[in-house]
């Protein structure tokens, strides 16, 4: 791997910022715009390839003011382990066609479309926390790309009892792909499961071209699978191998990267935080580091 960042605990080391879409900025951006757009409202932007980050929290603290991206991925082969992403609308932006990411044992919270974009991602044993009645995903998978988002053994949960009507996804673009494998769905997930994004004048009739599917969904949110929208799919067990991470991520050997992490993972120290500060100052350049438990 090219970049490896490890800290002692995602509960104690956090990168927090509060930019949001339509926020006025002091200096116009490279296109001459006087305010931020969704794509550059991020707390952390990763442009590099072959990146592994472990035990970290990324938060956009702007709150319910529109689109507030916490993490924006543009690089390929980015793995995140025991990671927390905290935001509201548009928490995680998978921003590049064909770019692959892997999330393991992570927690991602948000409201509308809190995972969105055209990238390819495989999420293993992750916790998806809906903060409001809305939509978890909004994939914009380009036509011809074999995979979009795959959730494997993930838990879809509501933040509290006020959240009772959440869709697994709606298509931002006509060829969106999202598949759930052996996931636990809370009672907040609607019987319909998926939404076609009615009223999108630019891309009408997306229900005819999207691919939304489940295999082995369980718990209260999967108790009425016969009520799922007719254009979604319940996959047979013989399709399981098609959605293993080895297939989804193609020639990227994720397991080898994770094994390498275990060999070189440093003991948590002051140096861990120094590494992160360096990446922020000379990389994204737009975020701040808040760390509890360290003398920075």
Protein backbone atom coordinates (compact mmCIF):
# COMPACT_ATOMS: atom_id res chain seq x y z
CA UNK A 1 0.00 0.00 0.00
CA UNK A 2 1.12 3.61 -0.53
CA UNK A 3 -0.43 5.31 2.53
CA UNK A 4 -1.24 3.69 5.88
CA UNK A 5 -2.67 5.63 8.82
CA UNK A 6 -3.45 4.00 12.15
CA UNK A 7 -4.40 5.58 15.47
CA UNK A 8 -5.34 4.18 18.84
CA UNK A 9 -9.12 4.55 18.69
CA UNK A 10 -11.78 6.03 16.43
CA UNK A 11 -13.49 7.28 19.60
CA UNK A 12 -10.54 9.46 20.57
CA UNK A 13 -9.07 10.64 17.27
CA UNK A 14 -11.42 12.68 15.12
CA UNK A 15 -11.17 14.93 12.10
CA UNK A 16 -13.99 17.49 12.24
CA UNK A 17 -15.02 20.37 10.02
CA UNK A 18 -18.28 22.14 9.21
CA UNK A 19 -18.39 23.20 5.54
CA UNK A 20 -21.65 22.78 3.63
CA UNK A 21 -23.07 23.24 0.14
CA UNK A 22 -23.98 26.86 -0.75
CA UNK A 23 -21.74 28.19 2.00
CA UNK A 24 -20.20 31.51 0.95
CA UNK A 25 -16.40 31.45 0.88
CA UNK A 26 -13.84 34.24 1.19
CA UNK A 27 -12.00 33.35 -2.00
CA UNK A 28 -13.68 32.11 -5.17
CA UNK A 29 -12.81 28.55 -6.11
CA UNK A 30 -10.90 27.50 -9.24
CA UNK A 31 -14.08 27.78 -11.33
CA UNK A 32 -14.87 31.27 -10.04
CA UNK A 33 -17.75 30.22 -7.79
CA UNK A 34 -18.28 32.31 -4.63
CA UNK A 35 -19.74 29.44 -2.63
CA UNK A 36 -19.14 25.76 -2.02
CA UNK A 37 -20.89 23.00 -3.92
CA UNK A 38 -21.80 19.56 -2.60
CA UNK A 39 -18.62 17.93 -3.89
CA UNK A 40 -16.28 20.34 -2.10
CA UNK A 41 -18.16 20.56 1.19
CA UNK A 42 -16.08 17.65 2.51
CA UNK A 43 -14.25 17.37 5.81
CA UNK A 44 -11.69 15.01 4.26
CA UNK A 45 -10.86 14.40 0.59
CA UNK A 46 -8.73 11.41 -0.43
CA UNK A 47 -7.22 11.68 -3.91
CA UNK A 48 -4.46 9.09 -3.52
CA UNK A 49 -4.63 5.44 -4.57
CA UNK A 50 -3.78 2.45 -2.36
CA UNK A 51 -4.75 4.02 0.98
CA UNK A 52 -5.57 2.20 4.22
CA UNK A 53 -6.92 4.06 7.26
CA UNK A 54 -7.79 2.39 10.55
CA UNK A 55 -9.49 3.52 13.79
CA UNK A 56 -10.50 7.07 12.92
CA UNK A 57 -13.62 9.28 13.02
CA UNK A 58 -14.43 11.76 10.25
CA UNK A 59 -17.24 14.20 10.97
CA UNK A 60 -18.97 17.03 9.18
CA UNK A 61 -20.45 19.04 12.02
CA UNK A 62 -22.44 21.53 9.93
CA UNK A 63 -25.71 19.84 10.87
CA UNK A 64 -29.02 19.90 8.95
CA UNK A 65 -28.17 22.71 6.52
CA UNK A 66 -28.24 20.75 3.25
CA UNK A 67 -25.45 18.69 1.74
CA UNK A 68 -22.58 18.18 4.20
CA UNK A 69 -20.01 15.65 2.99
CA UNK A 70 -17.80 14.11 5.66
CA UNK A 71 -15.63 11.94 3.40
CA UNK A 72 -15.08 12.34 -0.35
CA UNK A 73 -13.19 9.55 -2.13
CA UNK A 74 -11.57 10.11 -5.53
CA UNK A 75 -8.73 7.61 -5.29
CA UNK A 76 -8.80 3.91 -6.17
CA UNK A 77 -8.24 1.00 -3.76
CA UNK A 78 -9.05 2.80 -0.52
CA UNK A 79 -9.74 0.63 2.53
CA UNK A 80 -11.19 1.87 5.80
CA UNK A 81 -11.29 -0.30 8.93
CA UNK A 82 -13.09 0.43 12.21
CA UNK A 83 -13.97 3.85 10.89
CA UNK A 84 -16.76 6.24 11.91
CA UNK A 85 -18.34 8.67 9.45
CA UNK A 86 -20.70 11.22 10.97
CA UNK A 87 -22.80 13.67 9.01
CA UNK A 88 -26.28 14.46 7.72
CA UNK A 89 -27.19 14.64 4.02
CA UNK A 90 -24.55 13.17 1.68
CA UNK A 91 -22.15 11.91 4.38
CA UNK A 92 -20.05 9.70 2.10
CA UNK A 93 -19.31 10.66 -1.51
CA UNK A 94 -17.88 7.88 -3.69
CA UNK A 95 -16.89 10.37 -6.32
CA UNK A 96 -15.08 8.62 -9.18
CA UNK A 97 -16.35 6.18 -11.78
CA UNK A 98 -14.78 2.77 -11.29
CA UNK A 99 -12.81 3.75 -8.18
CA UNK A 100 -12.93 0.98 -5.58
CA UNK A 101 -13.28 1.29 -1.82
CA UNK A 102 -13.65 -1.24 0.99
CA UNK A 103 -15.21 -0.58 4.40
CA UNK A 104 -14.91 -3.10 7.22
CA UNK A 105 -16.53 -2.83 10.68
CA UNK A 106 -17.39 0.83 10.12
CA UNK A 107 -20.25 3.04 11.27
CA UNK A 108 -21.83 5.55 8.87
CA UNK A 109 -24.62 7.90 9.90
CA UNK A 110 -26.66 10.42 7.98
CA UNK A 111 -29.98 11.48 6.52
CA UNK A 112 -30.81 11.87 2.83
CA UNK A 113 -28.66 9.86 0.39
CA UNK A 114 -25.90 9.51 2.96
CA UNK A 115 -23.92 7.23 0.67
CA UNK A 116 -23.88 8.53 -2.90
CA UNK A 117 -21.90 8.72 -6.13
CA UNK A 118 -20.61 6.55 -9.00
CA UNK A 119 -17.84 4.61 -7.26
CA UNK A 120 -17.64 0.89 -6.47
CA UNK A 121 -17.70 0.01 -2.79
CA UNK A 122 -17.89 -3.15 -0.69
CA UNK A 123 -19.07 -2.71 2.90
CA UNK A 124 -18.47 -5.61 5.31
CA UNK A 125 -20.12 -5.78 8.76
CA UNK A 126 -20.86 -2.06 8.74
CA UNK A 127 -23.55 -0.19 10.66
CA UNK A 128 -25.71 2.23 8.67
CA UNK A 129 -27.48 4.64 11.02
CA UNK A 130 -30.42 6.62 9.64
CA UNK A 131 -30.91 9.89 11.52
CA UNK A 132 -34.18 10.84 9.79
CA UNK A 133 -36.85 9.39 7.51
CA UNK A 134 -35.18 9.42 4.11
CA UNK A 135 -32.89 7.31 1.89
CA UNK A 136 -29.67 5.47 2.75
CA UNK A 137 -28.08 5.33 -0.72
CA UNK A 138 -28.16 7.26 -3.99
CA UNK A 139 -25.87 5.46 -6.39
CA UNK A 140 -25.03 6.98 -9.77
CA UNK A 141 -23.34 3.91 -11.23
CA UNK A 142 -22.32 4.60 -14.85
CA UNK A 143 -23.78 2.42 -17.58
CA UNK A 144 -21.66 -0.68 -18.13
CA UNK A 145 -19.94 -0.63 -14.73
CA UNK A 146 -20.48 -4.13 -13.31
CA UNK A 147 -20.89 -3.12 -9.65
CA UNK A 148 -22.02 -0.18 -7.58
CA UNK A 149 -22.53 -0.67 -3.83
CA UNK A 150 -22.49 -4.06 -2.11
CA UNK A 151 -23.42 -4.37 1.58
CA UNK A 152 -22.36 -7.67 3.15
CA UNK A 153 -23.56 -8.65 6.65
CA UNK A 154 -24.35 -5.03 7.46
CA UNK A 155 -26.83 -3.64 10.01
CA UNK A 156 -29.31 -0.98 8.93
CA UNK A 157 -30.55 0.76 12.08
CA UNK A 158 -32.54 3.83 13.11
CA UNK A 159 -31.00 6.46 15.36
CA UNK A 160 -34.15 6.59 17.50
CA UNK A 161 -37.91 6.00 17.44
CA UNK A 162 -38.58 9.15 15.39
CA UNK A 163 -37.07 7.37 12.39
CA UNK A 164 -39.64 4.95 10.97
CA UNK A 165 -39.69 5.31 7.17
CA UNK A 166 -36.37 4.84 5.40
CA UNK A 167 -35.68 3.47 1.92
CA UNK A 168 -32.58 1.41 1.20
CA UNK A 169 -31.87 3.53 -1.83
CA UNK A 170 -32.98 5.68 -4.71
CA UNK A 171 -31.16 6.11 -8.03
CA UNK A 172 -29.31 9.36 -8.58
CA UNK A 173 -28.65 8.20 -12.15
CA UNK A 174 -30.43 5.66 -14.38
CA UNK A 175 -28.02 2.71 -13.99
CA UNK A 176 -27.62 2.74 -10.21
CA UNK A 177 -26.58 -0.60 -8.70
CA UNK A 178 -26.97 -1.50 -5.01
CA UNK A 179 -27.05 -5.03 -3.57
CA UNK A 180 -27.53 -6.22 0.02
CA UNK A 181 -26.24 -9.65 1.08
CA UNK A 182 -27.18 -11.21 4.46
CA UNK A 183 -28.01 -7.83 6.00
CA UNK A 184 -30.05 -7.08 9.11
CA UNK A 185 -32.75 -4.53 8.41
CA UNK A 186 -34.46 -2.61 11.21
CA UNK A 187 -38.19 -1.92 11.35
CA UNK A 188 -37.57 1.58 9.96
CA UNK A 189 -36.94 0.13 6.50
CA UNK A 190 -40.12 0.45 4.42
CA UNK A 191 -41.81 -2.67 3.01
CA UNK A 192 -41.22 -1.25 -0.49
CA UNK A 193 -37.51 -1.17 0.23
CA UNK A 194 -36.49 1.00 -2.70
CA UNK A 195 -37.62 4.27 -4.29
CA UNK A 196 -37.52 5.21 -8.00
CA UNK A 197 -36.96 8.98 -7.38
CA UNK A 198 -40.21 10.17 -8.94
CA UNK A 199 -40.28 13.65 -10.40
CA UNK A 200 -36.70 13.62 -11.71
CA UNK A 201 -37.28 15.39 -15.04
CA UNK A 202 -33.71 14.85 -16.26
CA UNK A 203 -33.80 11.08 -15.74
CA UNK A 204 -37.37 9.77 -15.75
CA UNK A 205 -38.28 6.07 -15.60
CA UNK A 206 -35.12 5.03 -13.77
CA UNK A 207 -36.96 2.03 -12.37
CA UNK A 208 -36.54 0.45 -15.82
CA UNK A 209 -32.74 0.55 -15.77
CA UNK A 210 -31.54 0.36 -12.14
CA UNK A 211 -30.43 -2.83 -10.41
CA UNK A 212 -31.50 -3.04 -6.77
CA UNK A 213 -31.30 -6.45 -5.15
CA UNK A 214 -31.19 -8.36 -1.88
CA UNK A 215 -30.03 -11.81 -0.89
CA UNK A 216 -30.76 -13.14 2.59
CA UNK A 217 -32.14 -9.95 4.16
CA UNK A 218 -33.52 -10.52 7.65
CA UNK A 219 -35.14 -8.95 10.73
CA UNK A 220 -38.13 -6.60 10.88
CA UNK A 221 -37.27 -4.62 7.77
CA UNK A 222 -37.27 -7.82 5.73
CA UNK A 223 -40.48 -9.29 7.14
CA UNK A 224 -42.55 -8.30 4.10
CA UNK A 225 -40.27 -8.94 1.15
CA UNK A 226 -43.28 -9.65 -1.07
CA UNK A 227 -44.12 -5.96 -0.75
CA UNK A 228 -40.81 -4.85 -2.23
CA UNK A 229 -41.17 -2.75 -5.39
CA UNK A 230 -41.71 -4.99 -8.42
CA UNK A 231 -38.61 -3.74 -10.22
CA UNK A 232 -36.23 -4.80 -7.43
CA UNK A 233 -34.79 -8.31 -7.14
CA UNK A 234 -34.56 -11.08 -4.55
CA UNK A 235 -31.51 -13.06 -5.61
CA UNK A 236 -31.17 -16.84 -5.32
CA UNK A 237 -28.37 -18.33 -3.24
CA UNK A 238 -26.45 -19.43 -6.32
CA UNK A 239 -25.71 -15.75 -6.99
CA UNK A 240 -23.86 -15.34 -3.69
CA UNK A 241 -20.39 -15.77 -5.20
CA UNK A 242 -21.06 -12.93 -7.64
CA UNK A 243 -21.06 -10.53 -4.67
CA UNK A 244 -17.97 -11.68 -2.79
CA UNK A 245 -15.47 -8.87 -2.32
CA UNK A 246 -13.01 -10.63 -4.62
CA UNK A 247 -15.50 -10.23 -7.47
CA UNK A 248 -16.64 -6.74 -6.61
CA UNK A 249 -13.14 -5.29 -6.22
CA UNK A 250 -11.73 -7.21 -9.22
CA UNK A 251 -7.91 -7.51 -9.16
CA UNK A 252 -7.46 -5.49 -5.95
CA UNK A 253 -6.22 -7.92 -3.29
CA UNK A 254 -7.93 -6.36 -0.28
CA UNK A 255 -7.06 -9.21 2.07
CA UNK A 256 -3.35 -8.82 1.37
CA UNK A 257 -3.58 -5.13 2.22
CA UNK A 258 -5.35 -5.89 5.50
CA UNK A 259 -2.83 -8.58 6.39
CA UNK A 260 -0.01 -6.12 5.73
CA UNK A 261 -1.74 -3.66 8.05
CA UNK A 262 -1.62 -6.16 10.91
CA UNK A 263 2.11 -6.61 10.41
CA UNK A 264 3.06 -2.95 10.38
CA UNK A 265 0.32 -1.39 12.54
CA UNK A 266 2.19 0.84 15.02
CA UNK A 267 1.48 1.20 18.70
CA UNK A 268 -0.64 4.30 19.23
CA UNK A 269 1.59 7.25 19.96
CA UNK A 270 2.07 10.95 19.43
CA UNK A 271 3.45 10.08 15.98
CA UNK A 272 0.07 8.76 14.88
CA UNK A 273 -1.51 12.18 15.19
CA UNK A 274 1.46 13.91 13.58
CA UNK A 275 1.00 11.70 10.50
CA UNK A 276 -2.63 12.71 10.19
CA UNK A 277 -1.90 16.40 10.59
CA UNK A 278 0.70 16.15 7.83
CA UNK A 279 -1.74 14.50 5.43
CA UNK A 280 -4.33 17.20 6.09
CA UNK A 281 -2.04 20.18 5.79
CA UNK A 282 -0.39 19.09 2.58
CA UNK A 283 -3.24 17.04 1.14
CA UNK A 284 -6.82 18.18 1.41
CA UNK A 285 -5.80 21.33 3.25
CA UNK A 286 -9.33 22.10 4.37
CA UNK A 287 -9.83 20.14 7.55
CA UNK A 288 -9.02 20.37 11.23
CA UNK A 289 -7.91 17.68 13.64
CA UNK A 290 -9.52 17.37 17.05
CA UNK A 291 -7.93 14.65 19.16
CA UNK A 292 -8.87 13.66 22.68
CA UNK A 293 -6.31 11.80 24.73
CA UNK A 294 -3.24 13.19 22.96
CA UNK A 295 -0.97 16.10 23.75
CA UNK A 296 -0.75 17.78 20.35
